[in-house]
Amino acid sequence: MKVNYEQIVKAHQDNPNEGKNQVSDE
């Protein structure tokens, strides 16, 4: 799980604009 979360954090750091296209909680 630690490795997976590190990969997710690294992916967000490499693509800072990726979060803008995420779907809503609804």
PDB file of all heavy atoms in Angstrom:
ATOM      1  N   MET A   1       0.832  -1.205   0.000  1.00  0.00           N
ATOM      2  CA  MET A   1       0.000   0.000   0.000  1.00  0.00           C
ATOM      3  C   MET A   1       0.865   1.253   0.000  1.00  0.00           C
ATOM      4  O   MET A   1       0.550   2.241  -0.687  1.00  0.00           O
ATOM      5  CB  MET A   1      -0.911  -0.010   1.230  1.00  0.00           C
ATOM      6  CG  MET A   1      -1.963  -1.106   1.197  1.00  0.00           C
ATOM      7  SD  MET A   1      -2.916  -1.201   2.730  1.00  0.00           S
ATOM      8  CE  MET A   1      -3.696   0.414   2.723  1.00  0.00           C
ATOM      9  N   LYS A   2       1.954   1.227   0.732  1.00  0.00           N
ATOM     10  CA  LYS A   2       2.858   2.372   0.771  1.00  0.00           C
ATOM     11  C   LYS A   2       3.426   2.665  -0.610  1.00  0.00           C
ATOM     12  O   LYS A   2       3.482   3.827  -1.067  1.00  0.00           O
ATOM     13  CB  LYS A   2       3.988   2.097   1.765  1.00  0.00           C
ATOM     14  CG  LYS A   2       5.045   3.195   1.858  1.00  0.00           C
ATOM     15  CD  LYS A   2       6.055   2.840   2.922  1.00  0.00           C
ATOM     16  CE  LYS A   2       7.182   3.875   2.982  1.00  0.00           C
ATOM     17  NZ  LYS A   2       8.030   3.832   1.787  1.00  0.00           N
ATOM     18  N   VAL A   3       3.852   1.597  -1.299  1.00  0.00           N
ATOM     19  CA  VAL A   3       4.389   1.782  -2.646  1.00  0.00           C
ATOM     20  C   VAL A   3       3.328   2.355  -3.585  1.00  0.00           C
ATOM     21  O   VAL A   3       3.601   3.266  -4.383  1.00  0.00           O
ATOM     22  CB  VAL A   3       4.932   0.440  -3.181  1.00  0.00           C
ATOM     23  CG1 VAL A   3       5.322   0.577  -4.654  1.00  0.00           C
ATOM     24  CG2 VAL A   3       6.132  -0.009  -2.362  1.00  0.00           C
ATOM     25  N   ASN A   4       2.083   1.849  -3.482  1.00  0.00           N
ATOM     26  CA  ASN A   4       1.013   2.348  -4.344  1.00  0.00           C
ATOM     27  C   ASN A   4       0.717   3.828  -4.082  1.00  0.00           C
ATOM     28  O   ASN A   4       0.539   4.617  -5.015  1.00  0.00           O
ATOM     29  CB  ASN A   4      -0.250   1.521  -4.137  1.00  0.00           C
ATOM     30  CG  ASN A   4      -0.095   0.099  -4.665  1.00  0.00           C
ATOM     31  OD1 ASN A   4       0.677  -0.142  -5.592  1.00  0.00           O
ATOM     32  ND2 ASN A   4      -0.822  -0.838  -4.078  1.00  0.00           N
ATOM     33  N   TYR A   5       0.647   4.198  -2.811  1.00  0.00           N
ATOM     34  CA  TYR A   5       0.391   5.607  -2.490  1.00  0.00           C
ATOM     35  C   TYR A   5       1.542   6.508  -2.911  1.00  0.00           C
ATOM     36  O   TYR A   5       1.331   7.646  -3.347  1.00  0.00           O
ATOM     37  CB  TYR A   5       0.113   5.764  -0.993  1.00  0.00           C
ATOM     38  CG  TYR A   5      -1.309   5.452  -0.610  1.00  0.00           C
ATOM     39  CD1 TYR A   5      -1.605   4.339   0.154  1.00  0.00           C
ATOM     40  CD2 TYR A   5      -2.363   6.269  -1.033  1.00  0.00           C
ATOM     41  CE1 TYR A   5      -2.915   4.034   0.492  1.00  0.00           C
ATOM     42  CE2 TYR A   5      -3.667   5.970  -0.690  1.00  0.00           C
ATOM     43  CZ  TYR A   5      -3.944   4.855   0.076  1.00  0.00           C
ATOM     44  OH  TYR A   5      -5.237   4.567   0.415  1.00  0.00           O
ATOM     45  N   GLU A   6       2.755   6.010  -2.796  1.00  0.00           N
ATOM     46  CA  GLU A   6       3.895   6.802  -3.265  1.00  0.00           C
ATOM     47  C   GLU A   6       3.808   7.025  -4.772  1.00  0.00           C
ATOM     48  O   GLU A   6       4.134   8.123  -5.270  1.00  0.00           O
ATOM     49  CB  GLU A   6       5.200   6.093  -2.900  1.00  0.00           C
ATOM     50  CG  GLU A   6       5.537   6.146  -1.413  1.00  0.00           C
ATOM     51  CD  GLU A   6       6.792   5.370  -1.076  1.00  0.00           C
ATOM     52  OE1 GLU A   6       7.262   4.605  -1.973  1.00  0.00           O
ATOM     53  OE2 GLU A   6       7.292   5.490   0.053  1.00  0.00           O
ATOM     54  N   GLN A   7       3.365   6.000  -5.494  1.00  0.00           N
ATOM     55  CA  GLN A   7       3.204   6.158  -6.938  1.00  0.00           C
ATOM     56  C   GLN A   7       2.095   7.162  -7.263  1.00  0.00           C
ATOM     57  O   GLN A   7       2.224   7.966  -8.203  1.00  0.00           O
ATOM     58  CB  GLN A   7       2.903   4.806  -7.573  1.00  0.00           C
ATOM     59  CG  GLN A   7       4.072   3.832  -7.521  1.00  0.00           C
ATOM     60  CD  GLN A   7       3.716   2.481  -8.089  1.00  0.00           C
ATOM     61  OE1 GLN A   7       2.558   2.214  -8.414  1.00  0.00           O
ATOM     62  NE2 GLN A   7       4.705   1.595  -8.209  1.00  0.00           N
ATOM     63  N   ILE A   8       1.008   7.141  -6.495  1.00  0.00           N
ATOM     64  CA  ILE A   8      -0.087   8.095  -6.721  1.00  0.00           C
ATOM     65  C   ILE A   8       0.385   9.526  -6.448  1.00  0.00           C
ATOM     66  O   ILE A   8       0.109  10.455  -7.233  1.00  0.00           O
ATOM     67  CB  ILE A   8      -1.287   7.744  -5.819  1.00  0.00           C
ATOM     68  CG1 ILE A   8      -1.895   6.418  -6.263  1.00  0.00           C
ATOM     69  CG2 ILE A   8      -2.334   8.853  -5.855  1.00  0.00           C
ATOM     70  CD1 ILE A   8      -2.989   5.910  -5.341  1.00  0.00           C
ATOM     71  N   VAL A   9       1.108   9.718  -5.339  1.00  0.00           N
ATOM     72  CA  VAL A   9       1.618  11.050  -5.010  1.00  0.00           C
ATOM     73  C   VAL A   9       2.583  11.528  -6.081  1.00  0.00           C
ATOM     74  O   VAL A   9       2.551  12.691  -6.506  1.00  0.00           O
ATOM     75  CB  VAL A   9       2.306  11.021  -3.635  1.00  0.00           C
ATOM     76  CG1 VAL A   9       3.036  12.337  -3.373  1.00  0.00           C
ATOM     77  CG2 VAL A   9       1.286  10.763  -2.533  1.00  0.00           C
ATOM     78  N   LYS A  10       3.434  10.639  -6.555  1.00  0.00           N
ATOM     79  CA  LYS A  10       4.394  11.012  -7.590  1.00  0.00           C
ATOM     80  C   LYS A  10       3.671  11.384  -8.882  1.00  0.00           C
ATOM     81  O   LYS A  10       4.053  12.340  -9.586  1.00  0.00           O
ATOM     82  CB  LYS A  10       5.355   9.859  -7.835  1.00  0.00           C
ATOM     83  CG  LYS A  10       6.494  10.196  -8.808  1.00  0.00           C
ATOM     84  CD  LYS A  10       7.461   9.041  -8.905  1.00  0.00           C
ATOM     85  CE  LYS A  10       8.628   9.393  -9.818  1.00  0.00           C
ATOM     86  NZ  LYS A  10       8.214   9.790 -11.172  1.00  0.00           N
ATOM     87  N   ALA A  11       2.599  10.627  -9.199  1.00  0.00           N
ATOM     88  CA  ALA A  11       1.841  10.942 -10.410  1.00  0.00           C
ATOM     89  C   ALA A  11       1.184  12.315 -10.305  1.00  0.00           C
ATOM     90  O   ALA A  11       1.155  13.089 -11.284  1.00  0.00           O
ATOM     91  CB  ALA A  11       0.787   9.869 -10.650  1.00  0.00           C
ATOM     92  N   HIS A  12       0.659  12.667  -9.123  1.00  0.00           N
ATOM     93  CA  HIS A  12       0.065  13.998  -8.943  1.00  0.00           C
ATOM     94  C   HIS A  12       1.121  15.092  -9.013  1.00  0.00           C
ATOM     95  O   HIS A  12       0.861  16.184  -9.536  1.00  0.00           O
ATOM     96  CB  HIS A  12      -0.653  14.062  -7.595  1.00  0.00           C
ATOM     97  CG  HIS A  12      -1.990  13.380  -7.604  1.00  0.00           C
ATOM     98  ND1 HIS A  12      -3.079  13.839  -8.313  1.00  0.00           N
ATOM     99  CD2 HIS A  12      -2.406  12.245  -6.994  1.00  0.00           C
ATOM    100  CE1 HIS A  12      -4.107  13.039  -8.130  1.00  0.00           C
ATOM    101  NE2 HIS A  12      -3.728  12.048  -7.340  1.00  0.00           N
ATOM    102  N   GLN A  13       2.293  14.808  -8.503  1.00  0.00           N
ATOM    103  CA  GLN A  13       3.355  15.810  -8.569  1.00  0.00           C
ATOM    104  C   GLN A  13       3.842  16.012  -9.996  1.00  0.00           C
ATOM    105  O   GLN A  13       4.166  17.139 -10.393  1.00  0.00           O
ATOM    106  CB  GLN A  13       4.518  15.374  -7.667  1.00  0.00           C
ATOM    107  CG  GLN A  13       4.187  15.431  -6.187  1.00  0.00           C
ATOM    108  CD  GLN A  13       5.312  14.899  -5.322  1.00  0.00           C
ATOM    109  OE1 GLN A  13       6.278  14.316  -5.849  1.00  0.00           O
ATOM    110  NE2 GLN A  13       5.203  15.088  -4.008  1.00  0.00           N
ATOM    111  N   ASP A  14       3.896  14.926 -10.775  1.00  0.00           N
ATOM    112  CA  ASP A  14       4.333  15.061 -12.166  1.00  0.00           C
ATOM    113  C   ASP A  14       3.266  15.727 -13.026  1.00  0.00           C
ATOM    114  O   ASP A  14       3.594  16.400 -14.017  1.00  0.00           O
ATOM    115  CB  ASP A  14       4.668  13.676 -12.727  1.00  0.00           C
ATOM    116  CG  ASP A  14       5.862  13.061 -12.019  1.00  0.00           C
ATOM    117  OD1 ASP A  14       6.638  13.814 -11.389  1.00  0.00           O
ATOM    118  OD2 ASP A  14       6.010  11.816 -12.065  1.00  0.00           O
ATOM    119  N   ASN A  15       1.980  15.580 -12.721  1.00  0.00           N
ATOM    120  CA  ASN A  15       0.884  16.185 -13.493  1.00  0.00           C
ATOM    121  C   ASN A  15      -0.013  16.998 -12.556  1.00  0.00           C
ATOM    122  O   ASN A  15      -1.046  16.533 -12.093  1.00  0.00           O
ATOM    123  CB  ASN A  15       0.054  15.102 -14.180  1.00  0.00           C
ATOM    124  CG  ASN A  15       0.894  14.272 -15.141  1.00  0.00           C
ATOM    125  OD1 ASN A  15       1.557  14.806 -16.023  1.00  0.00           O
ATOM    126  ND2 ASN A  15       0.869  12.950 -14.959  1.00  0.00           N
ATOM    127  N   PRO A  16       0.394  18.200 -12.226  1.00  0.00           N
ATOM    128  CA  PRO A  16      -0.385  19.012 -11.277  1.00  0.00           C
ATOM    129  C   PRO A  16      -1.771  19.375 -11.795  1.00  0.00           C
ATOM    130  O   PRO A  16      -2.675  19.641 -11.009  1.00  0.00           O
ATOM    131  CB  PRO A  16       0.475  20.264 -11.084  1.00  0.00           C
ATOM    132  CG  PRO A  16       1.354  20.323 -12.287  1.00  0.00           C
ATOM    133  CD  PRO A  16       1.600  18.898 -12.709  1.00  0.00           C
ATOM    134  N   ASN A  17      -1.989  19.401 -13.096  1.00  0.00           N
ATOM    135  CA  ASN A  17      -3.296  19.782 -13.657  1.00  0.00           C
ATOM    136  C   ASN A  17      -4.257  18.599 -13.789  1.00  0.00           C
ATOM    137  O   ASN A  17      -5.395  18.773 -14.229  1.00  0.00           O
ATOM    138  CB  ASN A  17      -3.107  20.419 -15.041  1.00  0.00           C
ATOM    139  CG  ASN A  17      -2.309  21.710 -14.957  1.00  0.00           C
ATOM    140  OD1 ASN A  17      -2.432  22.457 -13.982  1.00  0.00           O
ATOM    141  ND2 ASN A  17      -1.488  21.986 -15.981  1.00  0.00           N
ATOM    142  N   GLU A  18      -3.792  17.412 -13.416  1.00  0.00           N
ATOM    143  CA  GLU A  18      -4.630  16.230 -13.582  1.00  0.00           C
ATOM    144  C   GLU A  18      -5.821  16.265 -12.636  1.00  0.00           C
ATOM    145  O   GLU A  18      -6.908  15.783 -12.958  1.00  0.00           O
ATOM    146  CB  GLU A  18      -3.804  14.968 -13.337  1.00  0.00           C
ATOM    147  CG  GLU A  18      -4.559  13.677 -13.572  1.00  0.00           C
ATOM    148  CD  GLU A  18      -3.710  12.452 -13.333  1.00  0.00           C
ATOM    149  OE1 GLU A  18      -2.523  12.613 -12.999  1.00  0.00           O
ATOM    150  OE2 GLU A  18      -4.237  11.336 -13.497  1.00  0.00           O
ATOM    151  N   GLY A  19      -5.677  16.881 -11.497  1.00  0.00           N
ATOM    152  CA  GLY A  19      -6.765  16.914 -10.530  1.00  0.00           C
ATOM    153  C   GLY A  19      -7.955  17.727 -10.994  1.00  0.00           C
ATOM    154  O   GLY A  19      -9.069  17.531 -10.498  1.00  0.00           O
ATOM    155  N   LYS A  20      -7.762  18.608 -11.893  1.00  0.00           N
ATOM    156  CA  LYS A  20      -8.872  19.443 -12.364  1.00  0.00           C
ATOM    157  C   LYS A  20      -9.904  18.632 -13.136  1.00  0.00           C
ATOM    158  O   LYS A  20     -11.068  19.006 -13.190  1.00  0.00           O
ATOM    159  CB  LYS A  20      -8.333  20.556 -13.253  1.00  0.00           C
ATOM    160  CG  LYS A  20      -7.398  21.506 -12.520  1.00  0.00           C
ATOM    161  CD  LYS A  20      -6.897  22.592 -13.452  1.00  0.00           C
ATOM    162  CE  LYS A  20      -5.941  23.548 -12.736  1.00  0.00           C
ATOM    163  NZ  LYS A  20      -5.428  24.608 -13.626  1.00  0.00           N
ATOM    164  N   ASN A  21      -9.488  17.535 -13.738  1.00  0.00           N
ATOM    165  CA  ASN A  21     -10.405  16.735 -14.552  1.00  0.00           C
ATOM    166  C   ASN A  21     -11.020  15.562 -13.777  1.00  0.00           C
ATOM    167  O   ASN A  21     -11.682  14.718 -14.372  1.00  0.00           O
ATOM    168  CB  ASN A  21      -9.659  16.176 -15.775  1.00  0.00           C
ATOM    169  CG  ASN A  21      -9.140  17.285 -16.671  1.00  0.00           C
ATOM    170  OD1 ASN A  21      -9.796  18.326 -16.815  1.00  0.00           O
ATOM    171  ND2 ASN A  21      -7.969  17.078 -17.263  1.00  0.00           N
ATOM    172  N   GLN A  22     -10.775  15.500 -12.448  1.00  0.00           N
ATOM    173  CA  GLN A  22     -11.317  14.408 -11.663  1.00  0.00           C
ATOM    174  C   GLN A  22     -12.817  14.575 -11.481  1.00  0.00           C
ATOM    175  O   GLN A  22     -13.348  15.692 -11.442  1.00  0.00           O
ATOM    176  CB  GLN A  22     -10.635  14.353 -10.283  1.00  0.00           C
ATOM    177  CG  GLN A  22      -9.178  13.921 -10.340  1.00  0.00           C
ATOM    178  CD  GLN A  22      -8.572  13.822  -8.952  1.00  0.00           C
ATOM    179  OE1 GLN A  22      -9.206  14.209  -7.975  1.00  0.00           O
ATOM    180  NE2 GLN A  22      -7.355  13.318  -8.885  1.00  0.00           N
ATOM    181  N   VAL A  23     -13.502  13.409 -11.354  1.00  0.00           N
ATOM    182  CA  VAL A  23     -14.960  13.430 -11.168  1.00  0.00           C
ATOM    183  C   VAL A  23     -15.279  13.840  -9.745  1.00  0.00           C
ATOM    184  O   VAL A  23     -14.460  13.732  -8.826  1.00  0.00           O
ATOM    185  CB  VAL A  23     -15.563  12.047 -11.463  1.00  0.00           C
ATOM    186  CG1 VAL A  23     -15.329  11.663 -12.908  1.00  0.00           C
ATOM    187  CG2 VAL A  23     -14.958  11.008 -10.536  1.00  0.00           C
ATOM    188  N   SER A  24     -16.487  14.271  -9.534  1.00  0.00           N
ATOM    189  CA  SER A  24     -16.913  14.751  -8.227  1.00  0.00           C
ATOM    190  C   SER A  24     -17.233  13.567  -7.311  1.00  0.00           C
ATOM    191  O   SER A  24     -17.381  12.425  -7.747  1.00  0.00           O
ATOM    192  CB  SER A  24     -18.130  15.649  -8.357  1.00  0.00           C
ATOM    193  OG  SER A  24     -19.218  14.899  -8.900  1.00  0.00           O
ATOM    194  N   ASP A  25     -17.373  13.893  -6.024  1.00  0.00           N
ATOM    195  CA  ASP A  25     -17.731  12.860  -5.057  1.00  0.00           C
ATOM    196  C   ASP A  25     -19.130  12.312  -5.314  1.00  0.00           C
ATOM    197  O   ASP A  25     -19.405  11.141  -5.034  1.00  0.00           O
ATOM    198  CB  ASP A  25     -17.661  13.436  -3.632  1.00  0.00           C
ATOM    199  CG  ASP A  25     -16.233  13.764  -3.226  1.00  0.00           C
ATOM    200  OD1 ASP A  25     -15.299  13.188  -3.822  1.00  0.00           O
ATOM    201  OD2 ASP A  25     -16.055  14.595  -2.311  1.00  0.00           O
ATOM    202  N   GLU A  26     -20.011  13.137  -5.865  1.00  0.00           N
ATOM    203  CA  GLU A  26     -21.374  12.670  -6.163  1.00  0.00           C
ATOM    204  C   GLU A  26     -21.356  11.579  -7.224  1.00  0.00           C
ATOM    205  O   GLU A  26     -22.089  10.583  -7.124  1.00  0.00           O
ATOM    206  CB  GLU A  26     -22.233  13.851  -6.624  1.00  0.00           C
ATOM    207  CG  GLU A  26     -23.676  13.484  -6.896  1.00  0.00           C
ATOM    208  CD  GLU A  26     -24.510  14.678  -7.328  1.00  0.00           C
ATOM    209  OE1 GLU A  26     -23.953  15.789  -7.409  1.00  0.00           O
ATOM    210  OE2 GLU A  26     -25.716  14.481  -7.591  1.00  0.00           O
TER     211      GLU A  26
END
